[in-house]
Every structure is written in C-alpha cells, then in structure tokens.
PDB file of N, CA and C in Angstrom:
ATOM      1  N   MET A   1     -63.012-195.471  78.931  1.00  0.00           N
ATOM      2  CA  MET A   1     -61.660-195.049  78.679  1.00  0.00           C
ATOM      3  C   MET A   1     -60.911-195.012  80.015  1.00  0.00           C
ATOM      4  N   THR A   2     -59.722-195.581  80.050  1.00  0.00           N
ATOM      5  CA  THR A   2     -58.950-195.573  81.282  1.00  0.00           C
ATOM      6  C   THR A   2     -58.385-194.189  81.540  1.00  0.00           C
ATOM      7  N   ASP A   3     -57.930-193.971  82.767  1.00  0.00           N
ATOM      8  CA  ASP A   3     -57.350-192.666  83.115  1.00  0.00           C
ATOM      9  C   ASP A   3     -56.149-192.354  82.239  1.00  0.00           C
ATOM     10  N   ASP A   4     -55.305-193.373  81.974  1.00  0.00           N
ATOM     11  CA  ASP A   4     -54.116-193.156  81.159  1.00  0.00           C
ATOM     12  C   ASP A   4     -54.496-192.784  79.732  1.00  0.00           C
ATOM     13  N   ALA A   5     -55.475-193.466  79.186  1.00  0.00           N
ATOM     14  CA  ALA A   5     -55.915-193.157  77.822  1.00  0.00           C
ATOM     15  C   ALA A   5     -56.550-191.773  77.761  1.00  0.00           C
ATOM     16  N   ALA A   6     -57.329-191.420  78.775  1.00  0.00           N
ATOM     17  CA  ALA A   6     -57.944-190.092  78.817  1.00  0.00           C
ATOM     18  C   ALA A   6     -56.874-189.012  78.966  1.00  0.00           C
ATOM     19  N   ALA A   7     -55.860-189.285  79.786  1.00  0.00           N
ATOM     20  CA  ALA A   7     -54.771-188.322  79.971  1.00  0.00           C
ATOM     21  C   ALA A   7     -54.000-188.125  78.672  1.00  0.00           C
ATOM     22  N   ARG A   8     -53.739-189.224  77.962  1.00  0.00           N
ATOM     23  CA  ARG A   8     -53.040-189.120  76.678  1.00  0.00           C
ATOM     24  C   ARG A   8     -53.868-188.341  75.657  1.00  0.00           C
ATOM     25  N   ALA A   9     -55.171-188.553  75.660  1.00  0.00           N
ATOM     26  CA  ALA A   9     -56.045-187.839  74.721  1.00  0.00           C
ATOM     27  C   ALA A   9     -56.079-186.344  75.037  1.00  0.00           C
ATOM     28  N   LEU A  10     -56.166-186.011  76.324  1.00  0.00           N
ATOM     29  CA  LEU A  10     -56.160-184.605  76.718  1.00  0.00           C
ATOM     30  C   LEU A  10     -54.808-183.977  76.397  1.00  0.00           C
ATOM     31  N   TRP A  11     -53.732-184.697  76.636  1.00  0.00           N
ATOM     32  CA  TRP A  11     -52.382-184.202  76.333  1.00  0.00           C
ATOM     33  C   TRP A  11     -52.232-183.934  74.832  1.00  0.00           C
ATOM     34  N   ALA A  12     -52.787-184.796  74.012  1.00  0.00           N
ATOM     35  CA  ALA A  12     -52.678-184.649  72.559  1.00  0.00           C
ATOM     36  C   ALA A  12     -53.387-183.400  72.048  1.00  0.00           C
ATOM     37  N   GLN A  13     -54.437-182.968  72.715  1.00  0.00           N
ATOM     38  CA  GLN A  13     -55.183-181.801  72.242  1.00  0.00           C
ATOM     39  C   GLN A  13     -54.676-180.487  72.835  1.00  0.00           C
ATOM     40  N   MET A  14     -53.737-180.548  73.761  1.00  0.00           N
ATOM     41  CA  MET A  14     -53.215-179.326  74.374  1.00  0.00           C
ATOM     42  C   MET A  14     -52.293-178.574  73.421  1.00  0.00           C
ATOM     43  N   PRO A  15     -52.314-177.232  73.485  1.00  0.00           N
ATOM     44  CA  PRO A  15     -51.382-176.438  72.686  1.00  0.00           C
ATOM     45  C   PRO A  15     -49.941-176.651  73.162  1.00  0.00           C
ATOM     46  N   LEU A  16     -48.982-176.426  72.274  1.00  0.00           N
ATOM     47  CA  LEU A  16     -47.575-176.647  72.611  1.00  0.00           C
ATOM     48  C   LEU A  16     -47.112-175.785  73.780  1.00  0.00           C
ATOM     49  N   ASP A  17     -47.582-174.551  73.849  1.00  0.00           N
ATOM     50  CA  ASP A  17     -47.186-173.672  74.959  1.00  0.00           C
ATOM     51  C   ASP A  17     -47.597-174.262  76.304  1.00  0.00           C
ATOM     52  N   LEU A  18     -48.793-174.804  76.359  1.00  0.00           N
ATOM     53  CA  LEU A  18     -49.282-175.415  77.592  1.00  0.00           C
ATOM     54  C   LEU A  18     -48.484-176.673  77.909  1.00  0.00           C
ATOM     55  N   LYS A  19     -48.207-177.486  76.911  1.00  0.00           N
ATOM     56  CA  LYS A  19     -47.412-178.700  77.130  1.00  0.00           C
ATOM     57  C   LYS A  19     -46.046-178.354  77.708  1.00  0.00           C
ATOM     58  N   PHE A  20     -45.409-177.333  77.141  1.00  0.00           N
ATOM     59  CA  PHE A  20     -44.092-176.922  77.606  1.00  0.00           C
ATOM     60  C   PHE A  20     -44.148-176.468  79.063  1.00  0.00           C
ATOM     61  N   GLU A  21     -45.149-175.655  79.398  1.00  0.00           N
ATOM     62  CA  GLU A  21     -45.273-175.151  80.769  1.00  0.00           C
ATOM     63  C   GLU A  21     -45.561-176.280  81.752  1.00  0.00           C
ATOM     64  N   VAL A  22     -46.434-177.211  81.367  1.00  0.00           N
ATOM     65  CA  VAL A  22     -46.752-178.345  82.233  1.00  0.00           C
ATOM     66  C   VAL A  22     -45.511-179.206  82.449  1.00  0.00           C
ATOM     67  N   ASP A  23     -44.763-179.481  81.398  1.00  0.00           N
ATOM     68  CA  ASP A  23     -43.549-180.285  81.533  1.00  0.00           C
ATOM     69  C   ASP A  23     -42.532-179.611  82.453  1.00  0.00           C
ATOM     70  N   GLN A  24     -42.391-178.297  82.353  1.00  0.00           N
ATOM     71  CA  GLN A  24     -41.470-177.575  83.236  1.00  0.00           C
ATOM     72  C   GLN A  24     -41.897-177.706  84.693  1.00  0.00           C
ATOM     73  N   LEU A  25     -43.183-177.535  84.956  1.00  0.00           N
ATOM     74  CA  LEU A  25     -43.671-177.606  86.334  1.00  0.00           C
ATOM     75  C   LEU A  25     -43.574-179.025  86.890  1.00  0.00           C
ATOM     76  N   VAL A  26     -43.899-180.016  86.086  1.00  0.00           N
ATOM     77  CA  VAL A  26     -43.799-181.404  86.539  1.00  0.00           C
ATOM     78  C   VAL A  26     -42.337-181.759  86.799  1.00  0.00           C
ATOM     79  N   SER A  27     -41.435-181.321  85.935  1.00  0.00           N
ATOM     80  CA  SER A  27     -40.001-181.591  86.127  1.00  0.00           C
ATOM     81  C   SER A  27     -39.476-180.923  87.392  1.00  0.00           C
ATOM     82  N   ALA A  28     -40.074-179.784  87.763  1.00  0.00           N
ATOM     83  CA  ALA A  28     -39.671-179.068  88.971  1.00  0.00           C
ATOM     84  C   ALA A  28     -40.417-179.574  90.207  1.00  0.00           C
ATOM     85  N   ASN A  29     -41.109-180.700  90.100  1.00  0.00           N
ATOM     86  CA  ASN A  29     -41.879-181.290  91.198  1.00  0.00           C
ATOM     87  C   ASN A  29     -42.926-180.324  91.740  1.00  0.00           C
ATOM     88  N   LYS A  30     -43.658-179.682  90.823  1.00  0.00           N
ATOM     89  CA  LYS A  30     -44.745-178.782  91.204  1.00  0.00           C
ATOM     90  C   LYS A  30     -46.042-179.218  90.511  1.00  0.00           C
ATOM     91  N   PRO A  31     -46.528-180.436  90.855  1.00  0.00           N
ATOM     92  CA  PRO A  31     -47.731-180.934  90.171  1.00  0.00           C
ATOM     93  C   PRO A  31     -48.981-180.110  90.455  1.00  0.00           C
ATOM     94  N   ALA A  32     -49.081-179.514  91.641  1.00  0.00           N
ATOM     95  CA  ALA A  32     -50.261-178.695  91.951  1.00  0.00           C
ATOM     96  C   ALA A  32     -50.302-177.448  91.067  1.00  0.00           C
ATOM     97  N   ALA A  33     -49.142-176.846  90.838  1.00  0.00           N
ATOM     98  CA  ALA A  33     -49.083-175.681  89.956  1.00  0.00           C
ATOM     99  C   ALA A  33     -49.409-176.083  88.525  1.00  0.00           C
ATOM    100  N   ALA A  34     -48.933-177.262  88.101  1.00  0.00           N
ATOM    101  CA  ALA A  34     -49.234-177.752  86.753  1.00  0.00           C
ATOM    102  C   ALA A  34     -50.732-177.990  86.600  1.00  0.00           C
ATOM    103  N   LEU A  35     -51.341-178.568  87.615  1.00  0.00           N
ATOM    104  CA  LEU A  35     -52.781-178.817  87.586  1.00  0.00           C
ATOM    105  C   LEU A  35     -53.542-177.489  87.457  1.00  0.00           C
ATOM    106  N   LYS A  36     -53.119-176.482  88.196  1.00  0.00           N
ATOM    107  CA  LYS A  36     -53.763-175.168  88.148  1.00  0.00           C
ATOM    108  C   LYS A  36     -53.630-174.539  86.761  1.00  0.00           C
ATOM    109  N   VAL A  37     -52.451-174.666  86.155  1.00  0.00           N
ATOM    110  CA  VAL A  37     -52.221-174.114  84.817  1.00  0.00           C
ATOM    111  C   VAL A  37     -53.122-174.799  83.789  1.00  0.00           C
ATOM    112  N   ILE A  38     -53.228-176.108  83.873  1.00  0.00           N
ATOM    113  CA  ILE A  38     -54.065-176.861  82.931  1.00  0.00           C
ATOM    114  C   ILE A  38     -55.515-176.392  83.033  1.00  0.00           C
ATOM    115  N   ARG A  39     -56.007-176.250  84.272  1.00  0.00           N
ATOM    116  CA  ARG A  39     -57.414-175.881  84.459  1.00  0.00           C
ATOM    117  C   ARG A  39     -57.708-174.453  84.040  1.00  0.00           C
ATOM    118  N   LYS A  40     -56.741-173.550  84.184  1.00  0.00           N
ATOM    119  CA  LYS A  40     -56.987-172.139  83.884  1.00  0.00           C
ATOM    120  C   LYS A  40     -56.591-171.752  82.471  1.00  0.00           C
ATOM    121  N   TRP A  41     -56.081-172.671  81.674  1.00  0.00           N
ATOM    122  CA  TRP A  41     -55.559-172.329  80.346  1.00  0.00           C
ATOM    123  C   TRP A  41     -56.653-171.884  79.385  1.00  0.00           C
ATOM    124  N   GLY A  42     -57.850-172.386  79.525  1.00  0.00           N
ATOM    125  CA  GLY A  42     -58.936-172.002  78.630  1.00  0.00           C
ATOM    126  C   GLY A  42     -59.280-173.076  77.608  1.00  0.00           C
ATOM    127  N   LEU A  43     -58.957-174.325  77.930  1.00  0.00           N
ATOM    128  CA  LEU A  43     -59.333-175.419  77.037  1.00  0.00           C
ATOM    129  C   LEU A  43     -60.851-175.566  77.034  1.00  0.00           C
ATOM    130  N   ASP A  44     -61.377-176.029  75.918  1.00  0.00           N
ATOM    131  CA  ASP A  44     -62.815-176.213  75.808  1.00  0.00           C
ATOM    132  C   ASP A  44     -63.090-177.643  75.385  1.00  0.00           C
ATOM    133  N   PRO A  45     -63.756-178.450  76.177  1.00  0.00           N
ATOM    134  CA  PRO A  45     -64.306-178.163  77.491  1.00  0.00           C
ATOM    135  C   PRO A  45     -63.203-178.114  78.556  1.00  0.00           C
ATOM    136  N   LYS A  46     -63.473-177.361  79.614  1.00  0.00           N
ATOM    137  CA  LYS A  46     -62.494-177.202  80.693  1.00  0.00           C
ATOM    138  C   LYS A  46     -62.307-178.540  81.402  1.00  0.00           C
ATOM    139  N   PRO A  47     -61.052-179.021  81.489  1.00  0.00           N
ATOM    140  CA  PRO A  47     -60.827-180.300  82.177  1.00  0.00           C
ATOM    141  C   PRO A  47     -61.068-180.162  83.677  1.00  0.00           C
ATOM    142  N   GLY A  48     -61.586-181.223  84.262  1.00  0.00           N
ATOM    143  CA  GLY A  48     -61.818-181.233  85.699  1.00  0.00           C
ATOM    144  C   GLY A  48     -60.532-181.509  86.459  1.00  0.00           C
ATOM    145  N   ILE A  49     -60.647-181.530  87.769  1.00  0.00           N
ATOM    146  CA  ILE A  49     -59.477-181.778  88.614  1.00  0.00           C
ATOM    147  C   ILE A  49     -58.924-183.173  88.355  1.00  0.00           C
ATOM    148  N   ALA A  50     -59.783-184.173  88.254  1.00  0.00           N
ATOM    149  CA  ALA A  50     -59.324-185.547  88.049  1.00  0.00           C
ATOM    150  C   ALA A  50     -58.609-185.698  86.701  1.00  0.00           C
ATOM    151  N   GLU A  51     -59.159-185.073  85.664  1.00  0.00           N
ATOM    152  CA  GLU A  51     -58.526-185.163  84.343  1.00  0.00           C
ATOM    153  C   GLU A  51     -57.175-184.448  84.337  1.00  0.00           C
ATOM    154  N   SER A  52     -57.115-183.295  84.977  1.00  0.00           N
ATOM    155  CA  SER A  52     -55.860-182.544  85.044  1.00  0.00           C
ATOM    156  C   SER A  52     -54.817-183.307  85.843  1.00  0.00           C
ATOM    157  N   ARG A  53     -55.259-183.921  86.923  1.00  0.00           N
ATOM    158  CA  ARG A  53     -54.332-184.717  87.749  1.00  0.00           C
ATOM    159  C   ARG A  53     -53.834-185.927  86.969  1.00  0.00           C
ATOM    160  N   ALA A  54     -54.691-186.547  86.184  1.00  0.00           N
ATOM    161  CA  ALA A  54     -54.280-187.675  85.365  1.00  0.00           C
ATOM    162  C   ALA A  54     -53.198-187.260  84.369  1.00  0.00           C
ATOM    163  N   VAL A  55     -53.326-186.057  83.816  1.00  0.00           N
ATOM    164  CA  VAL A  55     -52.315-185.557  82.876  1.00  0.00           C
ATOM    165  C   VAL A  55     -50.991-185.332  83.599  1.00  0.00           C
ATOM    166  N   THR A  56     -51.026-184.710  84.782  1.00  0.00           N
ATOM    167  CA  THR A  56     -49.771-184.483  85.507  1.00  0.00           C
ATOM    168  C   THR A  56     -49.135-185.803  85.926  1.00  0.00           C
ATOM    169  N   ASP A  57     -49.945-186.784  86.328  1.00  0.00           N
ATOM    170  CA  ASP A  57     -49.402-188.107  86.667  1.00  0.00           C
ATOM    171  C   ASP A  57     -48.807-188.792  85.437  1.00  0.00           C
ATOM    172  N   TYR A  58     -49.478-188.658  84.301  1.00  0.00           N
ATOM    173  CA  TYR A  58     -48.971-189.232  83.051  1.00  0.00           C
ATOM    174  C   TYR A  58     -47.623-188.617  82.682  1.00  0.00           C
ATOM    175  N   ARG A  59     -47.537-187.288  82.764  1.00  0.00           N
ATOM    176  CA  ARG A  59     -46.273-186.619  82.410  1.00  0.00           C
ATOM    177  C   ARG A  59     -45.176-186.966  83.410  1.00  0.00           C
ATOM    178  N   LYS A  60     -45.543-187.139  84.693  1.00  0.00           N
ATOM    179  CA  LYS A  60     -44.556-187.539  85.691  1.00  0.00           C
ATOM    180  C   LYS A  60     -43.999-188.923  85.373  1.00  0.00           C
ATOM    181  N   SER A  61     -44.856-189.821  84.892  1.00  0.00           N
ATOM    182  CA  SER A  61     -44.393-191.171  84.543  1.00  0.00           C
ATOM    183  C   SER A  61     -43.503-191.154  83.304  1.00  0.00           C
ATOM    184  N   VAL A  62     -43.725-190.193  82.416  1.00  0.00           N
ATOM    185  CA  VAL A  62     -42.913-190.088  81.205  1.00  0.00           C
ATOM    186  C   VAL A  62     -41.582-189.385  81.500  1.00  0.00           C
ATOM    187  N   LEU A  63     -41.648-188.275  82.229  1.00  0.00           N
ATOM    188  CA  LEU A  63     -40.452-187.462  82.476  1.00  0.00           C
ATOM    189  C   LEU A  63     -39.560-188.020  83.590  1.00  0.00           C
ATOM    190  N   LYS A  64     -40.168-188.721  84.554  1.00  0.00           N
ATOM    191  CA  LYS A  64     -39.456-189.291  85.688  1.00  0.00           C
ATOM    192  C   LYS A  64     -38.532-188.272  86.371  1.00  0.00           C
ATOM    193  N   PRO A  65     -39.129-187.214  86.952  1.00  0.00           N
ATOM    194  CA  PRO A  65     -38.292-186.210  87.630  1.00  0.00           C
ATOM    195  C   PRO A  65     -37.637-186.811  88.873  1.00  0.00           C
ATOM    196  N   PRO A  66     -36.517-186.223  89.311  1.00  0.00           N
ATOM    197  CA  PRO A  66     -35.874-186.733  90.525  1.00  0.00           C
ATOM    198  C   PRO A  66     -36.780-186.530  91.740  1.00  0.00           C
ATOM    199  N   PRO A  67     -36.550-187.292  92.810  1.00  0.00           N
ATOM    200  CA  PRO A  67     -37.372-187.119  94.006  1.00  0.00           C
ATOM    201  C   PRO A  67     -37.274-185.694  94.550  1.00  0.00           C
ATOM    202  N   ARG A  68     -38.364-185.239  95.121  1.00  0.00           N
ATOM    203  CA  ARG A  68     -38.397-183.886  95.649  1.00  0.00           C
ATOM    204  C   ARG A  68     -37.503-183.735  96.878  1.00  0.00           C
ATOM    205  N   PHE A  69     -37.574-184.698  97.762  1.00  0.00           N
ATOM    206  CA  PHE A  69     -36.751-184.685  98.969  1.00  0.00           C
ATOM    207  C   PHE A  69     -35.893-185.938  98.984  1.00  0.00           C
ATOM    208  N   THR A  70     -34.651-185.781  99.360  1.00  0.00           N
ATOM    209  CA  THR A  70     -33.771-186.962  99.430  1.00  0.00           C
ATOM    210  C   THR A  70     -33.287-187.195 100.821  1.00  0.00           C
TER     211      THR A  70
END
C-alpha cells in the first residue's frame, strides 16, 4: 500500500472530531501539532510517526493552506 493510500485509509477511520482538529491545525500551518494530536487521540492500533505524517501531508495536499512565511 502506498503512503497516500495508507493515509487515506487512516483518515477514513478517524472520528469526525479528530478530522476537524487535524484540518484546523494543518490549515494553521501546524503539522507537528496535528501529528501529535493524531498519535495521542487513542486510535487502535496507535498510528506511528510515519503514518501520522502521511495523514498530515495528505490533508495539506487537499486543503492547500497558504505559505507559512511570505
């Protein structure tokens, strides 16, 4: 399974509250905070750092937030 497919699968199983919080953090250019939230949410099995990062990268590609510094 590719990283994108794995990220989409993990995103599909996340609760709506977590999705909303992750989208807010990614939109605010805070991917590290989003990664921390994903890992500490209590999903079973707990996603690793690489899987969580893949989800934040996937959401960044979908949401296309503005650049952090201009």
